[in-house]
Amino acid sequence: HLFAGARSFTNAVWNLKKEHVWNREKWL
């Protein structure tokens, strides 16, 4: 959860895998 808080990777995974959106800028 600490890593997730720093990099938002859980949402980045969902955004790409489920919504099929390639959005690098959003997950700074």
PDB file of all heavy atoms in Angstrom:
ATOM      1  N   HIS A   1       0.830  -1.208   0.000  1.00  0.00           N
ATOM      2  CA  HIS A   1       0.000   0.000   0.000  1.00  0.00           C
ATOM      3  C   HIS A   1       0.868   1.263   0.000  1.00  0.00           C
ATOM      4  O   HIS A   1       0.471   2.298  -0.554  1.00  0.00           O
ATOM      5  CB  HIS A   1      -0.941  -0.011   1.204  1.00  0.00           C
ATOM      6  CG  HIS A   1      -2.161  -0.851   1.018  1.00  0.00           C
ATOM      7  ND1 HIS A   1      -3.177  -0.502   0.161  1.00  0.00           N
ATOM      8  CD2 HIS A   1      -2.522  -2.048   1.564  1.00  0.00           C
ATOM      9  CE1 HIS A   1      -4.127  -1.439   0.191  1.00  0.00           C
ATOM     10  NE2 HIS A   1      -3.749  -2.383   1.041  1.00  0.00           N
ATOM     11  N   LEU A   2       2.029   1.170   0.620  1.00  0.00           N
ATOM     12  CA  LEU A   2       2.953   2.306   0.616  1.00  0.00           C
ATOM     13  C   LEU A   2       3.410   2.615  -0.816  1.00  0.00           C
ATOM     14  O   LEU A   2       3.415   3.771  -1.259  1.00  0.00           O
ATOM     15  CB  LEU A   2       4.166   1.974   1.498  1.00  0.00           C
ATOM     16  CG  LEU A   2       5.100   3.127   1.879  1.00  0.00           C
ATOM     17  CD1 LEU A   2       4.399   4.110   2.799  1.00  0.00           C
ATOM     18  CD2 LEU A   2       6.348   2.586   2.565  1.00  0.00           C
ATOM     19  N   PHE A   3       3.774   1.579  -1.557  1.00  0.00           N
ATOM     20  CA  PHE A   3       4.172   1.747  -2.960  1.00  0.00           C
ATOM     21  C   PHE A   3       2.995   2.270  -3.796  1.00  0.00           C
ATOM     22  O   PHE A   3       3.172   3.119  -4.683  1.00  0.00           O
ATOM     23  CB  PHE A   3       4.688   0.431  -3.537  1.00  0.00           C
ATOM     24  CG  PHE A   3       6.100   0.119  -3.141  1.00  0.00           C
ATOM     25  CD1 PHE A   3       6.391  -0.959  -2.313  1.00  0.00           C
ATOM     26  CD2 PHE A   3       7.145   0.899  -3.605  1.00  0.00           C
ATOM     27  CE1 PHE A   3       7.699  -1.251  -1.954  1.00  0.00           C
ATOM     28  CE2 PHE A   3       8.459   0.613  -3.251  1.00  0.00           C
ATOM     29  CZ  PHE A   3       8.744  -0.462  -2.424  1.00  0.00           C
ATOM     30  N   ALA A   4       1.810   1.733  -3.517  1.00  0.00           N
ATOM     31  CA  ALA A   4       0.631   2.196  -4.255  1.00  0.00           C
ATOM     32  C   ALA A   4       0.389   3.682  -4.014  1.00  0.00           C
ATOM     33  O   ALA A   4       0.019   4.426  -4.932  1.00  0.00           O
ATOM     34  CB  ALA A   4      -0.599   1.385  -3.843  1.00  0.00           C
ATOM     35  N   GLY A   5       0.605   4.118  -2.775  1.00  0.00           N
ATOM     36  CA  GLY A   5       0.418   5.523  -2.438  1.00  0.00           C
ATOM     37  C   GLY A   5       1.398   6.434  -3.155  1.00  0.00           C
ATOM     38  O   GLY A   5       1.089   7.603  -3.433  1.00  0.00           O
ATOM     39  N   ALA A   6       2.563   5.900  -3.454  1.00  0.00           N
ATOM     40  CA  ALA A   6       3.575   6.698  -4.149  1.00  0.00           C
ATOM     41  C   ALA A   6       3.375   6.687  -5.659  1.00  0.00           C
ATOM     42  O   ALA A   6       3.607   7.692  -6.336  1.00  0.00           O
ATOM     43  CB  ALA A   6       4.972   6.181  -3.800  1.00  0.00           C
ATOM     44  N   ARG A   7       2.938   5.558  -6.217  1.00  0.00           N
ATOM     45  CA  ARG A   7       2.926   5.403  -7.674  1.00  0.00           C
ATOM     46  C   ARG A   7       1.539   5.154  -8.274  1.00  0.00           C
ATOM     47  O   ARG A   7       1.416   5.049  -9.498  1.00  0.00           O
ATOM     48  CB  ARG A   7       3.859   4.254  -8.076  1.00  0.00           C
ATOM     49  CG  ARG A   7       5.323   4.477  -7.700  1.00  0.00           C
ATOM     50  CD  ARG A   7       5.901   5.732  -8.327  1.00  0.00           C
ATOM     51  NE  ARG A   7       5.871   5.678  -9.764  1.00  0.00           N
ATOM     52  CZ  ARG A   7       6.871   5.188 -10.515  1.00  0.00           C
ATOM     53  NH1 ARG A   7       7.969   4.732  -9.945  1.00  0.00           N
ATOM     54  NH2 ARG A   7       6.763   5.175 -11.835  1.00  0.00           N
ATOM     55  N   SER A   8       0.520   5.046  -7.452  1.00  0.00           N
ATOM     56  CA  SER A   8      -0.860   4.856  -7.949  1.00  0.00           C
ATOM     57  C   SER A   8      -0.973   3.665  -8.894  1.00  0.00           C
ATOM     58  O   SER A   8      -1.803   3.668  -9.812  1.00  0.00           O
ATOM     59  CB  SER A   8      -1.355   6.119  -8.672  1.00  0.00           C
ATOM     60  OG  SER A   8      -1.179   7.264  -7.892  1.00  0.00           O
ATOM     61  N   PHE A   9      -0.140   2.653  -8.701  1.00  0.00           N
ATOM     62  CA  PHE A   9      -0.087   1.578  -9.698  1.00  0.00           C
ATOM     63  C   PHE A   9      -1.370   0.749  -9.744  1.00  0.00           C
ATOM     64  O   PHE A   9      -1.713   0.188 -10.782  1.00  0.00           O
ATOM     65  CB  PHE A   9       1.134   0.677  -9.495  1.00  0.00           C
ATOM     66  CG  PHE A   9       1.105  -0.178  -8.265  1.00  0.00           C
ATOM     67  CD1 PHE A   9       0.398  -1.357  -8.237  1.00  0.00           C
ATOM     68  CD2 PHE A   9       1.807   0.192  -7.122  1.00  0.00           C
ATOM     69  CE1 PHE A   9       0.370  -2.153  -7.105  1.00  0.00           C
ATOM     70  CE2 PHE A   9       1.786  -0.597  -5.984  1.00  0.00           C
ATOM     71  CZ  PHE A   9       1.062  -1.765  -5.970  1.00  0.00           C
ATOM     72  N   THR A  10      -2.115   0.677  -8.632  1.00  0.00           N
ATOM     73  CA  THR A  10      -3.365  -0.103  -8.668  1.00  0.00           C
ATOM     74  C   THR A  10      -4.346   0.512  -9.660  1.00  0.00           C
ATOM     75  O   THR A  10      -5.017  -0.198 -10.420  1.00  0.00           O
ATOM     76  CB  THR A  10      -4.004  -0.167  -7.275  1.00  0.00           C
ATOM     77  OG1 THR A  10      -4.091   1.167  -6.732  1.00  0.00           O
ATOM     78  CG2 THR A  10      -3.176  -1.022  -6.331  1.00  0.00           C
ATOM     79  N   ASN A  11      -4.418   1.834  -9.659  1.00  0.00           N
ATOM     80  CA  ASN A  11      -5.328   2.502 -10.598  1.00  0.00           C
ATOM     81  C   ASN A  11      -4.787   2.480 -12.023  1.00  0.00           C
ATOM     82  O   ASN A  11      -5.556   2.387 -12.989  1.00  0.00           O
ATOM     83  CB  ASN A  11      -5.569   3.948 -10.154  1.00  0.00           C
ATOM     84  CG  ASN A  11      -6.491   4.005  -8.951  1.00  0.00           C
ATOM     85  OD1 ASN A  11      -6.978   2.977  -8.488  1.00  0.00           O
ATOM     86  ND2 ASN A  11      -6.727   5.191  -8.437  1.00  0.00           N
ATOM     87  N   ALA A  12      -3.466   2.575 -12.146  1.00  0.00           N
ATOM     88  CA  ALA A  12      -2.867   2.510 -13.476  1.00  0.00           C
ATOM     89  C   ALA A  12      -3.133   1.151 -14.121  1.00  0.00           C
ATOM     90  O   ALA A  12      -3.410   1.060 -15.329  1.00  0.00           O
ATOM     91  CB  ALA A  12      -1.361   2.779 -13.384  1.00  0.00           C
ATOM     92  N   VAL A  13      -3.070   0.099 -13.321  1.00  0.00           N
ATOM     93  CA  VAL A  13      -3.374  -1.248 -13.812  1.00  0.00           C
ATOM     94  C   VAL A  13      -4.821  -1.319 -14.302  1.00  0.00           C
ATOM     95  O   VAL A  13      -5.115  -1.806 -15.403  1.00  0.00           O
ATOM     96  CB  VAL A  13      -3.116  -2.309 -12.714  1.00  0.00           C
ATOM     97  CG1 VAL A  13      -3.699  -3.657 -13.122  1.00  0.00           C
ATOM     98  CG2 VAL A  13      -1.630  -2.437 -12.429  1.00  0.00           C
ATOM     99  N   TRP A  14      -5.750  -0.838 -13.467  1.00  0.00           N
ATOM    100  CA  TRP A  14      -7.166  -0.869 -13.830  1.00  0.00           C
ATOM    101  C   TRP A  14      -7.427  -0.042 -15.088  1.00  0.00           C
ATOM    102  O   TRP A  14      -8.152  -0.462 -15.992  1.00  0.00           O
ATOM    103  CB  TRP A  14      -7.999  -0.328 -12.674  1.00  0.00           C
ATOM    104  CG  TRP A  14      -9.471  -0.307 -12.961  1.00  0.00           C
ATOM    105  CD1 TRP A  14     -10.198   0.709 -13.504  1.00  0.00           C
ATOM    106  CD2 TRP A  14     -10.391  -1.372 -12.744  1.00  0.00           C
ATOM    107  NE1 TRP A  14     -11.507   0.365 -13.636  1.00  0.00           N
ATOM    108  CE2 TRP A  14     -11.660  -0.920 -13.174  1.00  0.00           C
ATOM    109  CE3 TRP A  14     -10.273  -2.659 -12.224  1.00  0.00           C
ATOM    110  CZ2 TRP A  14     -12.796  -1.717 -13.098  1.00  0.00           C
ATOM    111  CZ3 TRP A  14     -11.414  -3.443 -12.158  1.00  0.00           C
ATOM    112  CH2 TRP A  14     -12.649  -2.980 -12.583  1.00  0.00           C
ATOM    113  N   ASN A  15      -6.816   1.146 -15.157  1.00  0.00           N
ATOM    114  CA  ASN A  15      -7.020   2.050 -16.277  1.00  0.00           C
ATOM    115  C   ASN A  15      -6.614   1.401 -17.608  1.00  0.00           C
ATOM    116  O   ASN A  15      -7.314   1.524 -18.613  1.00  0.00           O
ATOM    117  CB  ASN A  15      -6.187   3.311 -16.031  1.00  0.00           C
ATOM    118  CG  ASN A  15      -6.593   4.477 -16.902  1.00  0.00           C
ATOM    119  OD1 ASN A  15      -5.788   5.356 -17.173  1.00  0.00           O
ATOM    120  ND2 ASN A  15      -7.829   4.531 -17.352  1.00  0.00           N
ATOM    121  N   LEU A  16      -5.493   0.664 -17.569  1.00  0.00           N
ATOM    122  CA  LEU A  16      -5.006   0.033 -18.794  1.00  0.00           C
ATOM    123  C   LEU A  16      -5.704  -1.303 -19.062  1.00  0.00           C
ATOM    124  O   LEU A  16      -6.169  -1.567 -20.181  1.00  0.00           O
ATOM    125  CB  LEU A  16      -3.493  -0.170 -18.700  1.00  0.00           C
ATOM    126  CG  LEU A  16      -2.817  -0.839 -19.899  1.00  0.00           C
ATOM    127  CD1 LEU A  16      -3.058  -0.041 -21.190  1.00  0.00           C
ATOM    128  CD2 LEU A  16      -1.322  -1.015 -19.646  1.00  0.00           C
ATOM    129  N   LYS A  17      -5.799  -2.126 -18.048  1.00  0.00           N
ATOM    130  CA  LYS A  17      -6.297  -3.488 -18.227  1.00  0.00           C
ATOM    131  C   LYS A  17      -7.805  -3.548 -18.469  1.00  0.00           C
ATOM    132  O   LYS A  17      -8.284  -4.298 -19.340  1.00  0.00           O
ATOM    133  CB  LYS A  17      -5.924  -4.331 -17.003  1.00  0.00           C
ATOM    134  CG  LYS A  17      -6.224  -5.807 -17.144  1.00  0.00           C
ATOM    135  CD  LYS A  17      -5.729  -6.570 -15.921  1.00  0.00           C
ATOM    136  CE  LYS A  17      -6.037  -8.051 -16.019  1.00  0.00           C
ATOM    137  NZ  LYS A  17      -5.571  -8.808 -14.840  1.00  0.00           N
ATOM    138  N   LYS A  18      -8.565  -2.759 -17.721  1.00  0.00           N
ATOM    139  CA  LYS A  18     -10.026  -2.835 -17.809  1.00  0.00           C
ATOM    140  C   LYS A  18     -10.615  -1.766 -18.720  1.00  0.00           C
ATOM    141  O   LYS A  18     -11.623  -2.001 -19.391  1.00  0.00           O
ATOM    142  CB  LYS A  18     -10.640  -2.728 -16.407  1.00  0.00           C
ATOM    143  CG  LYS A  18     -10.289  -3.887 -15.487  1.00  0.00           C
ATOM    144  CD  LYS A  18     -10.877  -5.198 -16.000  1.00  0.00           C
ATOM    145  CE  LYS A  18     -10.584  -6.358 -15.067  1.00  0.00           C
ATOM    146  NZ  LYS A  18     -11.124  -7.638 -15.580  1.00  0.00           N
ATOM    147  N   GLU A  19      -9.989  -0.571 -18.738  1.00  0.00           N
ATOM    148  CA  GLU A  19     -10.535   0.514 -19.543  1.00  0.00           C
ATOM    149  C   GLU A  19      -9.774   0.693 -20.859  1.00  0.00           C
ATOM    150  O   GLU A  19     -10.178   1.484 -21.709  1.00  0.00           O
ATOM    151  CB  GLU A  19     -10.515   1.808 -18.724  1.00  0.00           C
ATOM    152  CG  GLU A  19     -11.382   1.726 -17.471  1.00  0.00           C
ATOM    153  CD  GLU A  19     -11.239   2.949 -16.568  1.00  0.00           C
ATOM    154  OE1 GLU A  19     -10.304   3.730 -16.778  1.00  0.00           O
ATOM    155  OE2 GLU A  19     -12.086   3.112 -15.675  1.00  0.00           O
ATOM    156  N   HIS A  20      -8.653  -0.034 -20.985  1.00  0.00           N
ATOM    157  CA  HIS A  20      -7.847  -0.023 -22.213  1.00  0.00           C
ATOM    158  C   HIS A  20      -7.378   1.388 -22.592  1.00  0.00           C
ATOM    159  O   HIS A  20      -7.364   1.760 -23.761  1.00  0.00           O
ATOM    160  CB  HIS A  20      -8.634  -0.655 -23.382  1.00  0.00           C
ATOM    161  CG  HIS A  20      -9.139  -2.030 -23.067  1.00  0.00           C
ATOM    162  ND1 HIS A  20      -8.302  -3.126 -22.943  1.00  0.00           N
ATOM    163  CD2 HIS A  20     -10.399  -2.479 -22.809  1.00  0.00           C
ATOM    164  CE1 HIS A  20      -9.020  -4.186 -22.641  1.00  0.00           C
ATOM    165  NE2 HIS A  20     -10.295  -3.825 -22.541  1.00  0.00           N
ATOM    166  N   VAL A  21      -7.003   2.151 -21.554  1.00  0.00           N
ATOM    167  CA  VAL A  21      -6.528   3.526 -21.757  1.00  0.00           C
ATOM    168  C   VAL A  21      -5.048   3.603 -21.448  1.00  0.00           C
ATOM    169  O   VAL A  21      -4.609   3.209 -20.366  1.00  0.00           O
ATOM    170  CB  VAL A  21      -7.305   4.526 -20.861  1.00  0.00           C
ATOM    171  CG1 VAL A  21      -6.728   5.941 -21.025  1.00  0.00           C
ATOM    172  CG2 VAL A  21      -8.788   4.501 -21.206  1.00  0.00           C
ATOM    173  N   TRP A  22      -4.282   4.106 -22.416  1.00  0.00           N
ATOM    174  CA  TRP A  22      -2.832   4.285 -22.230  1.00  0.00           C
ATOM    175  C   TRP A  22      -2.611   5.745 -21.828  1.00  0.00           C
ATOM    176  O   TRP A  22      -2.583   6.638 -22.669  1.00  0.00           O
ATOM    177  CB  TRP A  22      -2.119   3.960 -23.540  1.00  0.00           C
ATOM    178  CG  TRP A  22      -0.614   3.970 -23.446  1.00  0.00           C
ATOM    179  CD1 TRP A  22       0.197   5.044 -23.534  1.00  0.00           C
ATOM    180  CD2 TRP A  22       0.243   2.848 -23.241  1.00  0.00           C
ATOM    181  NE1 TRP A  22       1.512   4.702 -23.387  1.00  0.00           N
ATOM    182  CE2 TRP A  22       1.571   3.324 -23.216  1.00  0.00           C
ATOM    183  CE3 TRP A  22       0.009   1.477 -23.075  1.00  0.00           C
ATOM    184  CZ2 TRP A  22       2.668   2.493 -23.041  1.00  0.00           C
ATOM    185  CZ3 TRP A  22       1.107   0.654 -22.902  1.00  0.00           C
ATOM    186  CH2 TRP A  22       2.409   1.152 -22.880  1.00  0.00           C
ATOM    187  N   ASN A  23      -2.474   5.977 -20.493  1.00  0.00           N
ATOM    188  CA  ASN A  23      -2.442   7.356 -20.002  1.00  0.00           C
ATOM    189  C   ASN A  23      -1.282   7.535 -19.031  1.00  0.00           C
ATOM    190  O   ASN A  23      -1.461   7.526 -17.821  1.00  0.00           O
ATOM    191  CB  ASN A  23      -3.774   7.690 -19.320  1.00  0.00           C
ATOM    192  CG  ASN A  23      -3.935   9.180 -19.067  1.00  0.00           C
ATOM    193  OD1 ASN A  23      -2.972   9.946 -19.163  1.00  0.00           O
ATOM    194  ND2 ASN A  23      -5.154   9.587 -18.738  1.00  0.00           N
ATOM    195  N   ARG A  24      -0.096   7.681 -19.564  1.00  0.00           N
ATOM    196  CA  ARG A  24       1.098   7.799 -18.715  1.00  0.00           C
ATOM    197  C   ARG A  24       1.076   9.089 -17.893  1.00  0.00           C
ATOM    198  O   ARG A  24       1.511   9.094 -16.733  1.00  0.00           O
ATOM    199  CB  ARG A  24       2.347   7.749 -19.575  1.00  0.00           C
ATOM    200  CG  ARG A  24       2.541   6.427 -20.317  1.00  0.00           C
ATOM    201  CD  ARG A  24       3.757   6.497 -21.219  1.00  0.00           C
ATOM    202  NE  ARG A  24       4.968   6.660 -20.452  1.00  0.00           N
ATOM    203  CZ  ARG A  24       6.146   7.031 -20.980  1.00  0.00           C
ATOM    204  NH1 ARG A  24       6.229   7.282 -22.280  1.00  0.00           N
ATOM    205  NH2 ARG A  24       7.199   7.151 -20.223  1.00  0.00           N
ATOM    206  N   GLU A  25       0.599  10.164 -18.468  1.00  0.00           N
ATOM    207  CA  GLU A  25       0.665  11.463 -17.798  1.00  0.00           C
ATOM    208  C   GLU A  25      -0.187  11.501 -16.522  1.00  0.00           C
ATOM    209  O   GLU A  25       0.160  12.151 -15.541  1.00  0.00           O
ATOM    210  CB  GLU A  25       0.199  12.576 -18.753  1.00  0.00           C
ATOM    211  CG  GLU A  25       1.111  12.821 -19.933  1.00  0.00           C
ATOM    212  CD  GLU A  25       0.952  11.772 -21.020  1.00  0.00           C
ATOM    213  OE1 GLU A  25      -0.048  11.004 -20.971  1.00  0.00           O
ATOM    214  OE2 GLU A  25       1.834  11.687 -21.899  1.00  0.00           O
ATOM    215  N   LYS A  26      -1.307  10.781 -16.560  1.00  0.00           N
ATOM    216  CA  LYS A  26      -2.225  10.833 -15.415  1.00  0.00           C
ATOM    217  C   LYS A  26      -1.612  10.226 -14.160  1.00  0.00           C
ATOM    218  O   LYS A  26      -1.890  10.660 -13.041  1.00  0.00           O
ATOM    219  CB  LYS A  26      -3.524  10.097 -15.765  1.00  0.00           C
ATOM    220  CG  LYS A  26      -4.572  10.171 -14.661  1.00  0.00           C
ATOM    221  CD  LYS A  26      -5.866   9.511 -15.097  1.00  0.00           C
ATOM    222  CE  LYS A  26      -6.919   9.645 -13.992  1.00  0.00           C
ATOM    223  NZ  LYS A  26      -8.196   9.034 -14.387  1.00  0.00           N
ATOM    224  N   TRP A  27      -0.765   9.227 -14.350  1.00  0.00           N
ATOM    225  CA  TRP A  27      -0.258   8.475 -13.201  1.00  0.00           C
ATOM    226  C   TRP A  27       1.169   8.896 -12.851  1.00  0.00           C
ATOM    227  O   TRP A  27       2.074   8.103 -12.765  1.00  0.00           O
ATOM    228  CB  TRP A  27      -0.342   6.970 -13.484  1.00  0.00           C
ATOM    229  CG  TRP A  27      -1.712   6.557 -13.922  1.00  0.00           C
ATOM    230  CD1 TRP A  27      -2.065   6.026 -15.104  1.00  0.00           C
ATOM    231  CD2 TRP A  27      -2.914   6.700 -13.162  1.00  0.00           C
ATOM    232  NE1 TRP A  27      -3.414   5.805 -15.166  1.00  0.00           N
ATOM    233  CE2 TRP A  27      -3.966   6.221 -13.972  1.00  0.00           C
ATOM    234  CE3 TRP A  27      -3.219   7.197 -11.891  1.00  0.00           C
ATOM    235  CZ2 TRP A  27      -5.295   6.203 -13.556  1.00  0.00           C
ATOM    236  CZ3 TRP A  27      -4.540   7.175 -11.478  1.00  0.00           C
ATOM    237  CH2 TRP A  27      -5.552   6.690 -12.298  1.00  0.00           C
ATOM    238  N   LEU A  28       1.329  10.206 -12.653  1.00  0.00           N
ATOM    239  CA  LEU A  28       2.619  10.749 -12.231  1.00  0.00           C
ATOM    240  C   LEU A  28       2.809  10.472 -10.744  1.00  0.00           C
ATOM    241  O   LEU A  28       1.999  10.896  -9.909  1.00  0.00           O
ATOM    242  CB  LEU A  28       2.665  12.255 -12.496  1.00  0.00           C
ATOM    243  CG  LEU A  28       3.996  12.953 -12.203  1.00  0.00           C
ATOM    244  CD1 LEU A  28       5.083  12.448 -13.155  1.00  0.00           C
ATOM    245  CD2 LEU A  28       3.839  14.476 -12.319  1.00  0.00           C
TER     246      LEU A  28
END
